[in-house]
PDB file of N, CA and C in Angstrom:
ATOM      1  N   UNK A   1      29.450 -18.429  54.135  1.00  0.00           N
ATOM      2  CA  UNK A   1      28.722 -17.321  53.544  1.00  0.00           C
ATOM      3  C   UNK A   1      29.491 -16.022  53.815  1.00  0.00           C
ATOM      4  N   UNK A   2      29.649 -15.199  52.780  1.00  0.00           N
ATOM      5  CA  UNK A   2      30.404 -13.946  52.964  1.00  0.00           C
ATOM      6  C   UNK A   2      29.729 -13.002  53.956  1.00  0.00           C
ATOM      7  N   UNK A   3      30.544 -12.290  54.688  1.00  0.00           N
ATOM      8  CA  UNK A   3      30.057 -11.284  55.627  1.00  0.00           C
ATOM      9  C   UNK A   3      29.812  -9.973  54.876  1.00  0.00           C
ATOM     10  N   UNK A   4      28.881  -9.163  55.365  1.00  0.00           N
ATOM     11  CA  UNK A   4      28.526  -7.902  54.710  1.00  0.00           C
ATOM     12  C   UNK A   4      29.736  -6.973  54.592  1.00  0.00           C
ATOM     13  N   UNK A   5      30.608  -6.969  55.584  1.00  0.00           N
ATOM     14  CA  UNK A   5      31.792  -6.105  55.544  1.00  0.00           C
ATOM     15  C   UNK A   5      32.725  -6.550  54.415  1.00  0.00           C
ATOM     16  N   UNK A   6      32.906  -7.860  54.269  1.00  0.00           N
ATOM     17  CA  UNK A   6      33.779  -8.375  53.208  1.00  0.00           C
ATOM     18  C   UNK A   6      33.209  -8.064  51.826  1.00  0.00           C
ATOM     19  N   UNK A   7      31.907  -8.154  51.677  1.00  0.00           N
ATOM     20  CA  UNK A   7      31.251  -7.828  50.407  1.00  0.00           C
ATOM     21  C   UNK A   7      31.412  -6.343  50.104  1.00  0.00           C
ATOM     22  N   UNK A   8      31.223  -5.508  51.121  1.00  0.00           N
ATOM     23  CA  UNK A   8      31.354  -4.061  50.943  1.00  0.00           C
ATOM     24  C   UNK A   8      32.786  -3.694  50.533  1.00  0.00           C
ATOM     25  N   UNK A   9      33.766  -4.245  51.217  1.00  0.00           N
ATOM     26  CA  UNK A   9      35.167  -3.967  50.882  1.00  0.00           C
ATOM     27  C   UNK A   9      35.459  -4.441  49.463  1.00  0.00           C
ATOM     28  N   UNK A  10      34.955  -5.607  49.102  1.00  0.00           N
ATOM     29  CA  UNK A  10      35.158  -6.122  47.753  1.00  0.00           C
ATOM     30  C   UNK A  10      34.577  -5.222  46.684  1.00  0.00           C
ATOM     31  N   UNK A  11      33.368  -4.693  46.933  1.00  0.00           N
ATOM     32  CA  UNK A  11      32.747  -3.771  45.971  1.00  0.00           C
ATOM     33  C   UNK A  11      33.558  -2.488  45.841  1.00  0.00           C
ATOM     34  N   UNK A  12      34.026  -1.984  46.971  1.00  0.00           N
ATOM     35  CA  UNK A  12      34.815  -0.753  46.943  1.00  0.00           C
ATOM     36  C   UNK A  12      36.150  -0.988  46.221  1.00  0.00           C
ATOM     37  N   UNK A  13      36.758  -2.142  46.462  1.00  0.00           N
ATOM     38  CA  UNK A  13      38.009  -2.484  45.791  1.00  0.00           C
ATOM     39  C   UNK A  13      37.792  -2.491  44.277  1.00  0.00           C
ATOM     40  N   UNK A  14      36.747  -3.175  43.842  1.00  0.00           N
ATOM     41  CA  UNK A  14      36.440  -3.266  42.416  1.00  0.00           C
ATOM     42  C   UNK A  14      36.137  -1.884  41.828  1.00  0.00           C
ATOM     43  N   UNK A  15      35.363  -1.108  42.543  1.00  0.00           N
ATOM     44  CA  UNK A  15      34.998   0.238  42.085  1.00  0.00           C
ATOM     45  C   UNK A  15      36.237   1.095  41.878  1.00  0.00           C
ATOM     46  N   UNK A  16      37.134   1.078  42.841  1.00  0.00           N
ATOM     47  CA  UNK A  16      38.339   1.905  42.733  1.00  0.00           C
ATOM     48  C   UNK A  16      39.250   1.410  41.608  1.00  0.00           C
ATOM     49  N   UNK A  17      39.340   0.106  41.468  1.00  0.00           N
ATOM     50  CA  UNK A  17      40.165  -0.457  40.397  1.00  0.00           C
ATOM     51  C   UNK A  17      39.654   0.010  39.039  1.00  0.00           C
ATOM     52  N   UNK A  18      38.323   0.009  38.859  1.00  0.00           N
ATOM     53  CA  UNK A  18      37.726   0.502  37.614  1.00  0.00           C
ATOM     54  C   UNK A  18      38.018   1.987  37.426  1.00  0.00           C
ATOM     55  N   UNK A  19      37.901   2.737  38.517  1.00  0.00           N
ATOM     56  CA  UNK A  19      38.094   4.188  38.424  1.00  0.00           C
ATOM     57  C   UNK A  19      39.476   4.545  37.889  1.00  0.00           C
ATOM     58  N   UNK A  20      40.481   3.820  38.331  1.00  0.00           N
ATOM     59  CA  UNK A  20      41.826   4.162  37.889  1.00  0.00           C
ATOM     60  C   UNK A  20      42.272   3.326  36.693  1.00  0.00           C
ATOM     61  N   UNK A  21      41.399   2.422  36.253  1.00  0.00           N
ATOM     62  CA  UNK A  21      41.643   1.698  35.017  1.00  0.00           C
ATOM     63  C   UNK A  21      42.716   0.633  35.054  1.00  0.00           C
ATOM     64  N   UNK A  22      42.799  -0.118  36.163  1.00  0.00           N
ATOM     65  CA  UNK A  22      43.746  -1.224  36.172  1.00  0.00           C
ATOM     66  C   UNK A  22      42.990  -2.550  36.253  1.00  0.00           C
ATOM     67  N   UNK A  23      43.604  -3.578  35.726  1.00  0.00           N
ATOM     68  CA  UNK A  23      42.989  -4.899  35.699  1.00  0.00           C
ATOM     69  C   UNK A  23      43.234  -5.634  37.009  1.00  0.00           C
ATOM     70  N   UNK A  24      42.480  -6.711  37.186  1.00  0.00           N
ATOM     71  CA  UNK A  24      42.709  -7.565  38.347  1.00  0.00           C
ATOM     72  C   UNK A  24      44.124  -8.140  38.298  1.00  0.00           C
ATOM     73  N   UNK A  25      44.583  -8.463  37.107  1.00  0.00           N
ATOM     74  CA  UNK A  25      45.921  -9.042  36.948  1.00  0.00           C
ATOM     75  C   UNK A  25      47.002  -8.065  37.400  1.00  0.00           C
ATOM     76  N   UNK A  26      46.875  -6.805  36.998  1.00  0.00           N
ATOM     77  CA  UNK A  26      47.866  -5.795  37.389  1.00  0.00           C
ATOM     78  C   UNK A  26      47.837  -5.586  38.903  1.00  0.00           C
ATOM     79  N   UNK A  27      46.642  -5.480  39.475  1.00  0.00           N
ATOM     80  CA  UNK A  27      46.537  -5.306  40.925  1.00  0.00           C
ATOM     81  C   UNK A  27      47.143  -6.500  41.643  1.00  0.00           C
ATOM     82  N   UNK A  28      46.876  -7.685  41.144  1.00  0.00           N
ATOM     83  CA  UNK A  28      47.430  -8.895  41.756  1.00  0.00           C
ATOM     84  C   UNK A  28      48.958  -8.875  41.721  1.00  0.00           C
ATOM     85  N   UNK A  29      49.516  -8.531  40.574  1.00  0.00           N
ATOM     86  CA  UNK A  29      50.973  -8.483  40.445  1.00  0.00           C
ATOM     87  C   UNK A  29      51.587  -7.476  41.403  1.00  0.00           C
ATOM     88  N   UNK A  30      50.941  -6.327  41.532  1.00  0.00           N
ATOM     89  CA  UNK A  30      51.489  -5.272  42.390  1.00  0.00           C
ATOM     90  C   UNK A  30      51.342  -5.570  43.880  1.00  0.00           C
ATOM     91  N   UNK A  31      50.432  -6.502  44.217  1.00  0.00           N
ATOM     92  CA  UNK A  31      50.223  -6.834  45.632  1.00  0.00           C
ATOM     93  C   UNK A  31      50.727  -8.228  45.987  1.00  0.00           C
ATOM     94  N   UNK A  32      51.281  -8.930  45.004  1.00  0.00           N
ATOM     95  CA  UNK A  32      51.893 -10.227  45.280  1.00  0.00           C
ATOM     96  C   UNK A  32      50.934 -11.383  45.469  1.00  0.00           C
ATOM     97  N   UNK A  33      49.771 -11.331  44.822  1.00  0.00           N
ATOM     98  CA  UNK A  33      48.812 -12.437  44.887  1.00  0.00           C
ATOM     99  C   UNK A  33      48.420 -12.840  43.460  1.00  0.00           C
ATOM    100  N   UNK A  34      47.701 -13.936  43.342  1.00  0.00           N
ATOM    101  CA  UNK A  34      47.177 -14.368  42.045  1.00  0.00           C
ATOM    102  C   UNK A  34      45.931 -13.548  41.721  1.00  0.00           C
ATOM    103  N   UNK A  35      45.647 -13.361  40.421  1.00  0.00           N
ATOM    104  CA  UNK A  35      44.474 -12.556  40.075  1.00  0.00           C
ATOM    105  C   UNK A  35      43.188 -13.217  40.547  1.00  0.00           C
ATOM    106  N   UNK A  36      43.182 -14.551  40.692  1.00  0.00           N
ATOM    107  CA  UNK A  36      41.995 -15.233  41.209  1.00  0.00           C
ATOM    108  C   UNK A  36      41.696 -14.797  42.642  1.00  0.00           C
ATOM    109  N   UNK A  37      42.764 -14.475  43.376  1.00  0.00           N
ATOM    110  CA  UNK A  37      42.580 -13.999  44.750  1.00  0.00           C
ATOM    111  C   UNK A  37      41.894 -12.637  44.743  1.00  0.00           C
ATOM    112  N   UNK A  38      42.278 -11.770  43.810  1.00  0.00           N
ATOM    113  CA  UNK A  38      41.621 -10.463  43.683  1.00  0.00           C
ATOM    114  C   UNK A  38      40.146 -10.671  43.350  1.00  0.00           C
ATOM    115  N   UNK A  39      39.851 -11.631  42.469  1.00  0.00           N
ATOM    116  CA  UNK A  39      38.461 -11.941  42.134  1.00  0.00           C
ATOM    117  C   UNK A  39      37.686 -12.338  43.391  1.00  0.00           C
ATOM    118  N   UNK A  40      38.288 -13.153  44.223  1.00  0.00           N
ATOM    119  CA  UNK A  40      37.632 -13.604  45.456  1.00  0.00           C
ATOM    120  C   UNK A  40      37.450 -12.462  46.444  1.00  0.00           C
ATOM    121  N   UNK A  41      38.439 -11.559  46.517  1.00  0.00           N
ATOM    122  CA  UNK A  41      38.291 -10.381  47.373  1.00  0.00           C
ATOM    123  C   UNK A  41      37.114  -9.538  46.888  1.00  0.00           C
ATOM    124  N   UNK A  42      37.054  -9.290  45.581  1.00  0.00           N
ATOM    125  CA  UNK A  42      36.014  -8.432  45.021  1.00  0.00           C
ATOM    126  C   UNK A  42      34.621  -9.032  45.199  1.00  0.00           C
ATOM    127  N   UNK A  43      34.530 -10.343  45.176  1.00  0.00           N
ATOM    128  CA  UNK A  43      33.241 -11.005  45.369  1.00  0.00           C
ATOM    129  C   UNK A  43      32.874 -11.137  46.843  1.00  0.00           C
ATOM    130  N   UNK A  44      33.820 -10.838  47.728  1.00  0.00           N
ATOM    131  CA  UNK A  44      33.558 -10.968  49.158  1.00  0.00           C
ATOM    132  C   UNK A  44      33.677 -12.398  49.643  1.00  0.00           C
ATOM    133  N   UNK A  45      34.172 -13.293  48.782  1.00  0.00           N
ATOM    134  CA  UNK A  45      34.314 -14.704  49.149  1.00  0.00           C
ATOM    135  C   UNK A  45      35.458 -14.884  50.142  1.00  0.00           C
ATOM    136  N   UNK A  46      36.565 -14.206  49.882  1.00  0.00           N
ATOM    137  CA  UNK A  46      37.714 -14.257  50.794  1.00  0.00           C
ATOM    138  C   UNK A  46      37.867 -12.916  51.498  1.00  0.00           C
ATOM    139  N   UNK A  47      38.157 -12.994  52.764  1.00  0.00           N
ATOM    140  CA  UNK A  47      38.386 -11.802  53.571  1.00  0.00           C
ATOM    141  C   UNK A  47      39.783 -11.257  53.308  1.00  0.00           C
ATOM    142  N   UNK A  48      39.888  -9.937  53.186  1.00  0.00           N
ATOM    143  CA  UNK A  48      41.171  -9.286  52.955  1.00  0.00           C
ATOM    144  C   UNK A  48      41.826  -9.025  54.310  1.00  0.00           C
ATOM    145  N   UNK A  49      43.042  -9.521  54.484  1.00  0.00           N
ATOM    146  CA  UNK A  49      43.735  -9.275  55.747  1.00  0.00           C
ATOM    147  C   UNK A  49      44.119  -7.804  55.838  1.00  0.00           C
ATOM    148  N   UNK A  50      44.412  -7.353  57.035  1.00  0.00           N
ATOM    149  CA  UNK A  50      44.769  -5.945  57.248  1.00  0.00           C
ATOM    150  C   UNK A  50      46.004  -5.557  56.449  1.00  0.00           C
ATOM    151  N   UNK A  51      47.021  -6.409  56.463  1.00  0.00           N
ATOM    152  CA  UNK A  51      48.247  -6.071  55.733  1.00  0.00           C
ATOM    153  C   UNK A  51      48.019  -6.077  54.226  1.00  0.00           C
ATOM    154  N   UNK A  52      47.207  -6.987  53.734  1.00  0.00           N
ATOM    155  CA  UNK A  52      46.905  -7.024  52.299  1.00  0.00           C
ATOM    156  C   UNK A  52      46.062  -5.813  51.913  1.00  0.00           C
ATOM    157  N   UNK A  53      45.115  -5.426  52.761  1.00  0.00           N
ATOM    158  CA  UNK A  53      44.301  -4.243  52.487  1.00  0.00           C
ATOM    159  C   UNK A  53      45.182  -3.002  52.433  1.00  0.00           C
ATOM    160  N   UNK A  54      46.173  -2.947  53.293  1.00  0.00           N
ATOM    161  CA  UNK A  54      47.130  -1.831  53.285  1.00  0.00           C
ATOM    162  C   UNK A  54      47.854  -1.774  51.941  1.00  0.00           C
ATOM    163  N   UNK A  55      48.330  -2.940  51.469  1.00  0.00           N
ATOM    164  CA  UNK A  55      49.030  -3.005  50.179  1.00  0.00           C
ATOM    165  C   UNK A  55      48.105  -2.589  49.030  1.00  0.00           C
ATOM    166  N   UNK A  56      46.887  -3.075  49.050  1.00  0.00           N
ATOM    167  CA  UNK A  56      45.925  -2.749  47.999  1.00  0.00           C
ATOM    168  C   UNK A  56      45.617  -1.259  48.005  1.00  0.00           C
ATOM    169  N   UNK A  57      45.428  -0.697  49.187  1.00  0.00           N
ATOM    170  CA  UNK A  57      45.143   0.737  49.301  1.00  0.00           C
ATOM    171  C   UNK A  57      46.284   1.571  48.715  1.00  0.00           C
ATOM    172  N   UNK A  58      47.512   1.151  48.950  1.00  0.00           N
ATOM    173  CA  UNK A  58      48.654   1.881  48.386  1.00  0.00           C
ATOM    174  C   UNK A  58      48.641   1.829  46.864  1.00  0.00           C
ATOM    175  N   UNK A  59      48.385   0.654  46.301  1.00  0.00           N
ATOM    176  CA  UNK A  59      48.353   0.513  44.839  1.00  0.00           C
ATOM    177  C   UNK A  59      47.205   1.331  44.247  1.00  0.00           C
ATOM    178  N   UNK A  60      46.056   1.312  44.915  1.00  0.00           N
ATOM    179  CA  UNK A  60      44.876   2.019  44.411  1.00  0.00           C
ATOM    180  C   UNK A  60      44.856   3.496  44.807  1.00  0.00           C
ATOM    181  N   UNK A  61      45.867   3.916  45.560  1.00  0.00           N
ATOM    182  CA  UNK A  61      46.047   5.315  45.944  1.00  0.00           C
ATOM    183  C   UNK A  61      44.865   5.890  46.724  1.00  0.00           C
ATOM    184  N   UNK A  62      44.426   5.114  47.721  1.00  0.00           N
ATOM    185  CA  UNK A  62      43.370   5.565  48.630  1.00  0.00           C
ATOM    186  C   UNK A  62      43.783   5.184  50.053  1.00  0.00           C
ATOM    187  N   UNK A  63      43.270   5.893  51.056  1.00  0.00           N
ATOM    188  CA  UNK A  63      43.536   5.457  52.428  1.00  0.00           C
ATOM    189  C   UNK A  63      42.734   4.183  52.727  1.00  0.00           C
ATOM    190  N   UNK A  64      43.190   3.393  53.664  1.00  0.00           N
ATOM    191  CA  UNK A  64      42.497   2.162  54.036  1.00  0.00           C
ATOM    192  C   UNK A  64      41.051   2.463  54.433  1.00  0.00           C
ATOM    193  N   UNK A  65      40.833   3.590  55.076  1.00  0.00           N
ATOM    194  CA  UNK A  65      39.475   3.952  55.516  1.00  0.00           C
ATOM    195  C   UNK A  65      38.499   4.089  54.345  1.00  0.00           C
ATOM    196  N   UNK A  66      38.999   4.363  53.148  1.00  0.00           N
ATOM    197  CA  UNK A  66      38.140   4.521  51.969  1.00  0.00           C
ATOM    198  C   UNK A  66      37.306   3.270  51.723  1.00  0.00           C
ATOM    199  N   UNK A  67      37.865   2.095  52.011  1.00  0.00           N
ATOM    200  CA  UNK A  67      37.156   0.840  51.775  1.00  0.00           C
ATOM    201  C   UNK A  67      35.950   0.668  52.690  1.00  0.00           C
ATOM    202  N   UNK A  68      35.919   1.398  53.795  1.00  0.00           N
ATOM    203  CA  UNK A  68      34.842   1.271  54.767  1.00  0.00           C
ATOM    204  C   UNK A  68      33.794   2.369  54.632  1.00  0.00           C
ATOM    205  N   UNK A  69      34.039   3.346  53.771  1.00  0.00           N
ATOM    206  CA  UNK A  69      33.082   4.436  53.597  1.00  0.00           C
ATOM    207  C   UNK A  69      31.742   3.890  53.115  1.00  0.00           C
ATOM    208  N   UNK A  70      30.674   4.406  53.701  1.00  0.00           N
ATOM    209  CA  UNK A  70      29.334   3.984  53.324  1.00  0.00           C
ATOM    210  C   UNK A  70      28.842   2.762  54.071  1.00  0.00           C
ATOM    211  N   UNK A  71      29.692   2.151  54.855  1.00  0.00           N
ATOM    212  CA  UNK A  71      29.306   0.975  55.635  1.00  0.00           C
ATOM    213  C   UNK A  71      28.777   1.445  56.980  1.00  0.00           C
ATOM    214  N   UNK A  72      27.571   1.064  57.282  1.00  0.00           N
ATOM    215  CA  UNK A  72      26.957   1.499  58.543  1.00  0.00           C
ATOM    216  C   UNK A  72      27.140   0.428  59.604  1.00  0.00           C
ATOM    217  N   UNK A  73      27.523   0.826  60.819  1.00  0.00           N
ATOM    218  CA  UNK A  73      27.683  -0.153  61.894  1.00  0.00           C
ATOM    219  C   UNK A  73      26.341  -0.763  62.291  1.00  0.00           C
ATOM    220  N   UNK A  74      26.406  -1.996  62.765  1.00  0.00           N
ATOM    221  CA  UNK A  74      25.200  -2.653  63.260  1.00  0.00           C
ATOM    222  C   UNK A  74      24.288  -3.166  62.168  1.00  0.00           C
ATOM    223  N   UNK A  75      24.818  -3.422  60.974  1.00  0.00           N
ATOM    224  CA  UNK A  75      23.963  -3.930  59.901  1.00  0.00           C
ATOM    225  C   UNK A  75      23.581  -5.365  60.186  1.00  0.00           C
ATOM    226  N   UNK A  76      22.443  -5.771  59.658  1.00  0.00           N
ATOM    227  CA  UNK A  76      21.966  -7.140  59.849  1.00  0.00           C
ATOM    228  C   UNK A  76      22.237  -8.009  58.624  1.00  0.00           C
ATOM    229  N   UNK A  77      23.176  -7.561  57.779  1.00  0.00           N
ATOM    230  CA  UNK A  77      23.487  -8.316  56.581  1.00  0.00           C
ATOM    231  C   UNK A  77      22.735  -7.818  55.367  1.00  0.00           C
ATOM    232  N   UNK A  78      21.856  -6.857  55.560  1.00  0.00           N
ATOM    233  CA  UNK A  78      21.115  -6.278  54.441  1.00  0.00           C
ATOM    234  C   UNK A  78      21.963  -5.189  53.813  1.00  0.00           C
ATOM    235  N   UNK A  79      21.725  -4.950  52.531  1.00  0.00           N
ATOM    236  CA  UNK A  79      22.441  -3.881  51.832  1.00  0.00           C
ATOM    237  C   UNK A  79      22.052  -2.560  52.474  1.00  0.00           C
ATOM    238  N   UNK A  80      23.043  -1.791  52.905  1.00  0.00           N
ATOM    239  CA  UNK A  80      22.740  -0.545  53.601  1.00  0.00           C
ATOM    240  C   UNK A  80      23.142   0.673  52.798  1.00  0.00           C
ATOM    241  N   UNK A  81      23.394   0.492  51.525  1.00  0.00           N
ATOM    242  CA  UNK A  81      23.863   1.617  50.730  1.00  0.00           C
ATOM    243  C   UNK A  81      22.742   2.310  49.969  1.00  0.00           C
ATOM    244  N   UNK A  82      21.533   1.829  50.058  1.00  0.00           N
ATOM    245  CA  UNK A  82      20.412   2.467  49.381  1.00  0.00           C
ATOM    246  C   UNK A  82      20.076   1.786  48.070  1.00  0.00           C
ATOM    247  N   UNK A  83      18.913   2.121  47.515  1.00  0.00           N
ATOM    248  CA  UNK A  83      18.424   1.426  46.326  1.00  0.00           C
ATOM    249  C   UNK A  83      19.253   1.646  45.073  1.00  0.00           C
ATOM    250  N   UNK A  84      19.974   2.759  44.975  1.00  0.00           N
ATOM    251  CA  UNK A  84      20.753   3.041  43.775  1.00  0.00           C
ATOM    252  C   UNK A  84      22.216   2.637  43.911  1.00  0.00           C
ATOM    253  N   UNK A  85      22.574   1.954  44.980  1.00  0.00           N
ATOM    254  CA  UNK A  85      23.980   1.634  45.219  1.00  0.00           C
ATOM    255  C   UNK A  85      24.583   0.814  44.091  1.00  0.00           C
ATOM    256  N   UNK A  86      23.884  -0.235  43.642  1.00  0.00           N
ATOM    257  CA  UNK A  86      24.439  -1.062  42.570  1.00  0.00           C
ATOM    258  C   UNK A  86      24.603  -0.260  41.295  1.00  0.00           C
ATOM    259  N   UNK A  87      23.653   0.603  40.989  1.00  0.00           N
ATOM    260  CA  UNK A  87      23.740   1.443  39.798  1.00  0.00           C
ATOM    261  C   UNK A  87      24.951   2.359  39.888  1.00  0.00           C
ATOM    262  N   UNK A  88      25.151   2.947  41.036  1.00  0.00           N
ATOM    263  CA  UNK A  88      26.254   3.891  41.200  1.00  0.00           C
ATOM    264  C   UNK A  88      27.614   3.201  41.220  1.00  0.00           C
ATOM    265  N   UNK A  89      27.628   1.902  41.499  1.00  0.00           N
ATOM    266  CA  UNK A  89      28.890   1.178  41.563  1.00  0.00           C
ATOM    267  C   UNK A  89      29.146   0.342  40.321  1.00  0.00           C
ATOM    268  N   UNK A  90      28.255   0.404  39.342  1.00  0.00           N
ATOM    269  CA  UNK A  90      28.427  -0.436  38.157  1.00  0.00           C
ATOM    270  C   UNK A  90      29.574   0.057  37.293  1.00  0.00           C
ATOM    271  N   UNK A  91      30.137  -0.853  36.536  1.00  0.00           N
ATOM    272  CA  UNK A  91      31.241  -0.521  35.637  1.00  0.00           C
ATOM    273  C   UNK A  91      30.799   0.538  34.630  1.00  0.00           C
ATOM    274  N   UNK A  92      29.576   0.399  34.112  1.00  0.00           N
ATOM    275  CA  UNK A  92      29.084   1.352  33.118  1.00  0.00           C
ATOM    276  C   UNK A  92      28.990   2.755  33.695  1.00  0.00           C
ATOM    277  N   UNK A  93      28.549   2.873  34.935  1.00  0.00           N
ATOM    278  CA  UNK A  93      28.443   4.191  35.561  1.00  0.00           C
ATOM    279  C   UNK A  93      29.821   4.813  35.736  1.00  0.00           C
ATOM    280  N   UNK A  94      30.779   4.024  36.192  1.00  0.00           N
ATOM    281  CA  UNK A  94      32.141   4.533  36.370  1.00  0.00           C
ATOM    282  C   UNK A  94      32.718   4.966  35.030  1.00  0.00           C
ATOM    283  N   UNK A  95      32.520   4.147  33.991  1.00  0.00           N
ATOM    284  CA  UNK A  95      33.031   4.505  32.666  1.00  0.00           C
ATOM    285  C   UNK A  95      32.346   5.759  32.138  1.00  0.00           C
ATOM    286  N   UNK A  96      31.032   5.867  32.372  1.00  0.00           N
ATOM    287  CA  UNK A  96      30.297   7.037  31.912  1.00  0.00           C
ATOM    288  C   UNK A  96      30.816   8.308  32.586  1.00  0.00           C
ATOM    289  N   UNK A  97      30.962   8.259  33.900  1.00  0.00           N
ATOM    290  CA  UNK A  97      31.411   9.443  34.635  1.00  0.00           C
ATOM    291  C   UNK A  97      32.830   9.822  34.223  1.00  0.00           C
ATOM    292  N   UNK A  98      33.682   8.833  34.033  1.00  0.00           N
ATOM    293  CA  UNK A  98      35.048   9.107  33.585  1.00  0.00           C
ATOM    294  C   UNK A  98      35.033   9.778  32.217  1.00  0.00           C
ATOM    295  N   UNK A  99      34.228   9.242  31.303  1.00  0.00           N
ATOM    296  CA  UNK A  99      34.118   9.828  29.963  1.00  0.00           C
ATOM    297  C   UNK A  99      33.525  11.224  30.028  1.00  0.00           C
ATOM    298  N   UNK A 100      32.500  11.387  30.847  1.00  0.00           N
ATOM    299  CA  UNK A 100      31.817  12.675  31.011  1.00  0.00           C
ATOM    300  C   UNK A 100      32.810  13.765  31.386  1.00  0.00           C
ATOM    301  N   UNK A 101      33.668  13.466  32.355  1.00  0.00           N
ATOM    302  CA  UNK A 101      34.628  14.465  32.818  1.00  0.00           C
ATOM    303  C   UNK A 101      35.749  14.703  31.815  1.00  0.00           C
ATOM    304  N   UNK A 102      35.865  13.829  30.819  1.00  0.00           N
ATOM    305  CA  UNK A 102      36.859  14.020  29.782  1.00  0.00           C
ATOM    306  C   UNK A 102      36.378  14.884  28.623  1.00  0.00           C
ATOM    307  N   UNK A 103      35.085  15.228  28.624  1.00  0.00           N
ATOM    308  CA  UNK A 103      34.525  16.042  27.536  1.00  0.00           C
ATOM    309  C   UNK A 103      34.635  17.531  27.850  1.00  0.00           C
ATOM    310  N   UNK A 104      34.780  18.339  26.817  1.00  0.00           N
ATOM    311  CA  UNK A 104      34.746  19.791  27.026  1.00  0.00           C
ATOM    312  C   UNK A 104      33.356  20.218  27.512  1.00  0.00           C
ATOM    313  N   UNK A 105      33.274  21.344  28.206  1.00  0.00           N
ATOM    314  CA  UNK A 105      32.013  21.836  28.770  1.00  0.00           C
ATOM    315  C   UNK A 105      30.905  21.940  27.730  1.00  0.00           C
ATOM    316  N   UNK A 106      31.214  22.442  26.560  1.00  0.00           N
ATOM    317  CA  UNK A 106      30.199  22.623  25.518  1.00  0.00           C
ATOM    318  C   UNK A 106      29.585  21.282  25.142  1.00  0.00           C
ATOM    319  N   UNK A 107      30.403  20.267  24.978  1.00  0.00           N
ATOM    320  CA  UNK A 107      29.895  18.944  24.627  1.00  0.00           C
ATOM    321  C   UNK A 107      29.070  18.349  25.758  1.00  0.00           C
ATOM    322  N   UNK A 108      29.477  18.588  26.996  1.00  0.00           N
ATOM    323  CA  UNK A 108      28.702  18.072  28.137  1.00  0.00           C
ATOM    324  C   UNK A 108      27.309  18.671  28.159  1.00  0.00           C
ATOM    325  N   UNK A 109      27.199  19.964  27.922  1.00  0.00           N
ATOM    326  CA  UNK A 109      25.893  20.629  27.913  1.00  0.00           C
ATOM    327  C   UNK A 109      25.025  20.059  26.799  1.00  0.00           C
ATOM    328  N   UNK A 110      25.596  19.913  25.616  1.00  0.00           N
ATOM    329  CA  UNK A 110      24.835  19.358  24.492  1.00  0.00           C
ATOM    330  C   UNK A 110      24.384  17.932  24.784  1.00  0.00           C
ATOM    331  N   UNK A 111      25.278  17.143  25.325  1.00  0.00           N
ATOM    332  CA  UNK A 111      24.941  15.751  25.629  1.00  0.00           C
ATOM    333  C   UNK A 111      23.878  15.668  26.713  1.00  0.00           C
ATOM    334  N   UNK A 112      23.972  16.505  27.722  1.00  0.00           N
ATOM    335  CA  UNK A 112      22.973  16.519  28.783  1.00  0.00           C
ATOM    336  C   UNK A 112      21.603  16.892  28.230  1.00  0.00           C
ATOM    337  N   UNK A 113      21.548  17.897  27.382  1.00  0.00           N
ATOM    338  CA  UNK A 113      20.276  18.295  26.775  1.00  0.00           C
ATOM    339  C   UNK A 113      19.702  17.169  25.923  1.00  0.00           C
ATOM    340  N   UNK A 114      20.550  16.497  25.158  1.00  0.00           N
ATOM    341  CA  UNK A 114      20.106  15.369  24.346  1.00  0.00           C
ATOM    342  C   UNK A 114      19.551  14.252  25.230  1.00  0.00           C
ATOM    343  N   UNK A 115      20.247  13.949  26.306  1.00  0.00           N
ATOM    344  CA  UNK A 115      19.816  12.894  27.220  1.00  0.00           C
ATOM    345  C   UNK A 115      18.472  13.228  27.864  1.00  0.00           C
ATOM    346  N   UNK A 116      18.297  14.464  28.283  1.00  0.00           N
ATOM    347  CA  UNK A 116      17.021  14.889  28.869  1.00  0.00           C
ATOM    348  C   UNK A 116      15.884  14.748  27.866  1.00  0.00           C
ATOM    349  N   UNK A 117      16.142  15.141  26.631  1.00  0.00           N
ATOM    350  CA  UNK A 117      15.125  15.038  25.588  1.00  0.00           C
ATOM    351  C   UNK A 117      14.762  13.577  25.327  1.00  0.00           C
ATOM    352  N   UNK A 118      15.759  12.721  25.276  1.00  0.00           N
ATOM    353  CA  UNK A 118      15.499  11.295  25.051  1.00  0.00           C
ATOM    354  C   UNK A 118      14.688  10.697  26.199  1.00  0.00           C
ATOM    355  N   UNK A 119      15.017  11.064  27.433  1.00  0.00           N
ATOM    356  CA  UNK A 119      14.274  10.563  28.592  1.00  0.00           C
ATOM    357  C   UNK A 119      12.832  11.055  28.567  1.00  0.00           C
ATOM    358  N   UNK A 120      12.624  12.311  28.199  1.00  0.00           N
ATOM    359  CA  UNK A 120      11.279  12.876  28.116  1.00  0.00           C
ATOM    360  C   UNK A 120      10.454  12.132  27.064  1.00  0.00           C
ATOM    361  N   UNK A 121      11.051  11.876  25.919  1.00  0.00           N
ATOM    362  CA  UNK A 121      10.348  11.134  24.860  1.00  0.00           C
ATOM    363  C   UNK A 121      10.025   9.713  25.298  1.00  0.00           C
ATOM    364  N   UNK A 122      10.947   9.092  25.993  1.00  0.00           N
ATOM    365  CA  UNK A 122      10.716   7.723  26.463  1.00  0.00           C
ATOM    366  C   UNK A 122       9.562   7.676  27.459  1.00  0.00           C
ATOM    367  N   UNK A 123       9.456   8.696  28.315  1.00  0.00           N
ATOM    368  CA  UNK A 123       8.356   8.757  29.284  1.00  0.00           C
ATOM    369  C   UNK A 123       7.015   8.914  28.606  1.00  0.00           C
ATOM    370  N   UNK A 124       7.017   9.612  27.468  1.00  0.00           N
ATOM    371  CA  UNK A 124       5.785   9.844  26.715  1.00  0.00           C
ATOM    372  C   UNK A 124       5.464   8.684  25.777  1.00  0.00           C
ATOM    373  N   UNK A 125       6.394   7.707  25.694  1.00  0.00           N
ATOM    374  CA  UNK A 125       6.175   6.558  24.818  1.00  0.00           C
ATOM    375  C   UNK A 125       6.550   6.815  23.379  1.00  0.00           C
ATOM    376  N   UNK A 126       7.218   7.928  23.108  1.00  0.00           N
ATOM    377  CA  UNK A 126       7.628   8.256  21.746  1.00  0.00           C
ATOM    378  C   UNK A 126       8.920   7.504  21.417  1.00  0.00           C
ATOM    379  N   UNK A 127       9.155   7.226  20.129  1.00  0.00           N
ATOM    380  CA  UNK A 127      10.395   6.532  19.735  1.00  0.00           C
ATOM    381  C   UNK A 127      11.617   7.415  19.881  1.00  0.00           C
TER     382      UNK A 127
END
C-alpha cells in the first residue's frame, strides 16, 4: 500500500508537470526512466529515490523541497491538504489558471463578471 508521503510527492510531480506542459514521456526521457515509471511515481505506487527526485526536480525546474510543500509531519495516512486539495490540483484547474493568466486584463474582468453571473443564476435555479 502506498505511503502518504509517496502519494503526496506523486501528486506534486504530476501538478508541476502539468504546469509546465510536459508529458510523462518527455519527463521520462529527460530522467532516464520509462514513462510507466513516471506513471507509478505520480500514483504513489513506486517510491522516488533521492537521486531520481533530484533529477526530476531539475527537469521540472523546482527545488527538491517543493515536492514536500503542504505535507504535514505526523500524518496518520489521511489527506492533510484540506477539502479543496483535489480541486486545486486537478488538470482542469491548472489549465484554467494557465489560460487565465494568458488573457489580457480587460478579458479577465469580463470573464470574471460573466462567471459570477452564471454562478448567481445557478444558485437561484435559473437556466
